[in-house]
């Protein structure tokens, strides 16, 4: 097997630890062995070919079982399992990648090291479109669309289960996905959840399609040596192969269980099977012999067993220098993410929040019972703005997904809630009542060891965003006032403001007819209806995401348009707003043509590292709404502001912008951002979108 040998094997109950050697040198410590392996064309190709051969044999195991007796089937199963383990847990272990990352990190230019996490994401990006798990997500979304539209999906469910039974993406069952699980999933779907899932998959496609270009562009920008580029490319290939192996292994396990293993475990008894050696199981198959109960009892109390030459020895303690990892809540050493707020290292007790009705209801009960708890870290997948005010009572917030510029992130920064986002593997690693140490300086998580004058001319009831008039936050709300201010510097989507003066008289037939005429004058198919409160994005609070806003509104459905305008106007009275802090002033409502963007995102105009100034750009494929709601984890790049201001031939971005056409477009975006920064005499956060190459500004707020 390409010179690969398993040195020993450890087991702790249902947890597993494998320690592998390549060419008799330990991969987790000897980095020169990794460089030699990945740089050797013949050795690498041989390794990949042999992994492919193992997967092929696993795929054909059902045919191989035909005509064989129980003992031969068990032996074949063990042989394939050991070959799979040998490669999966040694050549492509997490320790292997940690060493590759360290080798690449050492070559990064000093000025780029602050963005090392994003650079890694770009360099090691892979195209996963052909993976079965991705196809499963695509097919499940298509079926969810049909279900939400009221179509009969019984045949779709049966076909889905047959194709994806072996996967475990949506299933906790060892026998794979069942029809009941699929139907239960469909029963929870709504038009909103389908749109969110579609946005998530669109962004995966966007990432996969541009993976190679993104990696090569970042490598060129950093000036990596050819040898390092080879290291990166081949490590990424192995990363893809690891996922492919896992998919094949799931199908292999289901086939083996169906064919003979389920019955074998039942015959022996699971309590005994889990503590028997392979040769003892083989003996049972041949002649029914069993292990002495006293010996089994001793093994249940034993910490580990090791492979010593050809013999297995059972030990009462873990050997020196061996760390046992794995199992629920224990299969990690360190997590990392992006810090929003916080300094130093703090210890927390975990409270996990599931984003479903039961989970949110349970969290509300927890809030009522606990009141406040500075030692509690709230852990969840994404954060919705309505949850943020409750989090003021706790010590920290940690999320698996989300971007630096989502509404919830803005609120956390403003309220000073210690918080970390985009922590990969978070929900697999942590559960309620776990104790963790969070280093907010490093962004890591480890398991814890312990006026006068004449009256002004009144503003009209309805004001166009393109009108050349002075309108302040007290007239049209803060958001609309800023958009009117920038309409000569940047392009703003066609629209108007229904002022608080108009909305207070919204039941007047004359006012309603004027509103209807304004909507018709936009001459568009879809609308966005947004808040523009006098206090929004002000010194007293941002209220990011707390006021109501609506997207994808049918411009021809006058009844719905009117209802939503009224809903936005009344949203300052909502409980979540009162809990955050009652805003001072009045609410106006923005009504604009919806720009269905090809790419959209947020720019922070000034982020300083080591005395150098950068623009932080977070962006996604499609509409901005899904980024701001935290449904999609964005791409991010830090763009050198010095390069933008010089308007030179090269504009450095760490990591590189994902594709060449976007790199040119982002130059214009960066220039616009610096112009708006000068206009507002300070750093600004800008929400934007691009359609057919044209840049639209949706919102500007100071920060």
Foldseek 3Di string as FASTA:
>chain_A
DLQKDFPKWKDFQPWTATFIDHVNHGLLPDLVVLLVQLVDVVSLVVLVVVLVVLLVCLLCLLVVCPPDDPLVNLVVVVVSVVVLCRCLRGVQNPSNVVSLLVVVLVLFDPVQNVLSVLLLCQQLFAQQCPPPVLVLLVLLLVLLVCVQVPHDCPVVLVVSCVVFQLDPPQHPDLLRDDSVSSVVVSVPDHPVVSVLSVQASQQSNVRNVLRVVSNVQLCVLRVDDPSSSSSSVSSSVVVSVSSNSVSSVSVSSNSSCVPPPVVLCVVQPVLQVSQDDSVQSSVCSVPNDGDDPVVSVVSNQFRIWMCDPPDIDTHNDDDPPDDGAGDFQGNDFKWFFAWLADAFKDKAFEAEAEPDPVRVVVVVVVCVVPVAELRYEYEYAFDFLLCQLSQLRYNEYEHQFADCQALSNQQCNVSRRGYGYNTHCVVRNDHGGFMWMAHSVRRMIGGDPDDDDDDDDADDQKAWLQDPDQDACLRQAHWSNVSSLCVVLAPAFTWMKRTLVLLVVCVPPVSLVVVLVRLVVQVAFWKKKDKGHSCALHPVDNCRNQADIDTRHGSVPSVVVSVRQNRNQPSLVDPSNVSVPRDPHGIMMMMGHDDFFQKWWKWWLFDDDPRFTWIKTWMGGTDPVSNNRRSYHTNIWTWGLVCLVVVDPDIDIVRQDSDDVVNVLVSVVNNSLVVVCVVVVHIWMWIWGHDPSGIHTHGIHHD
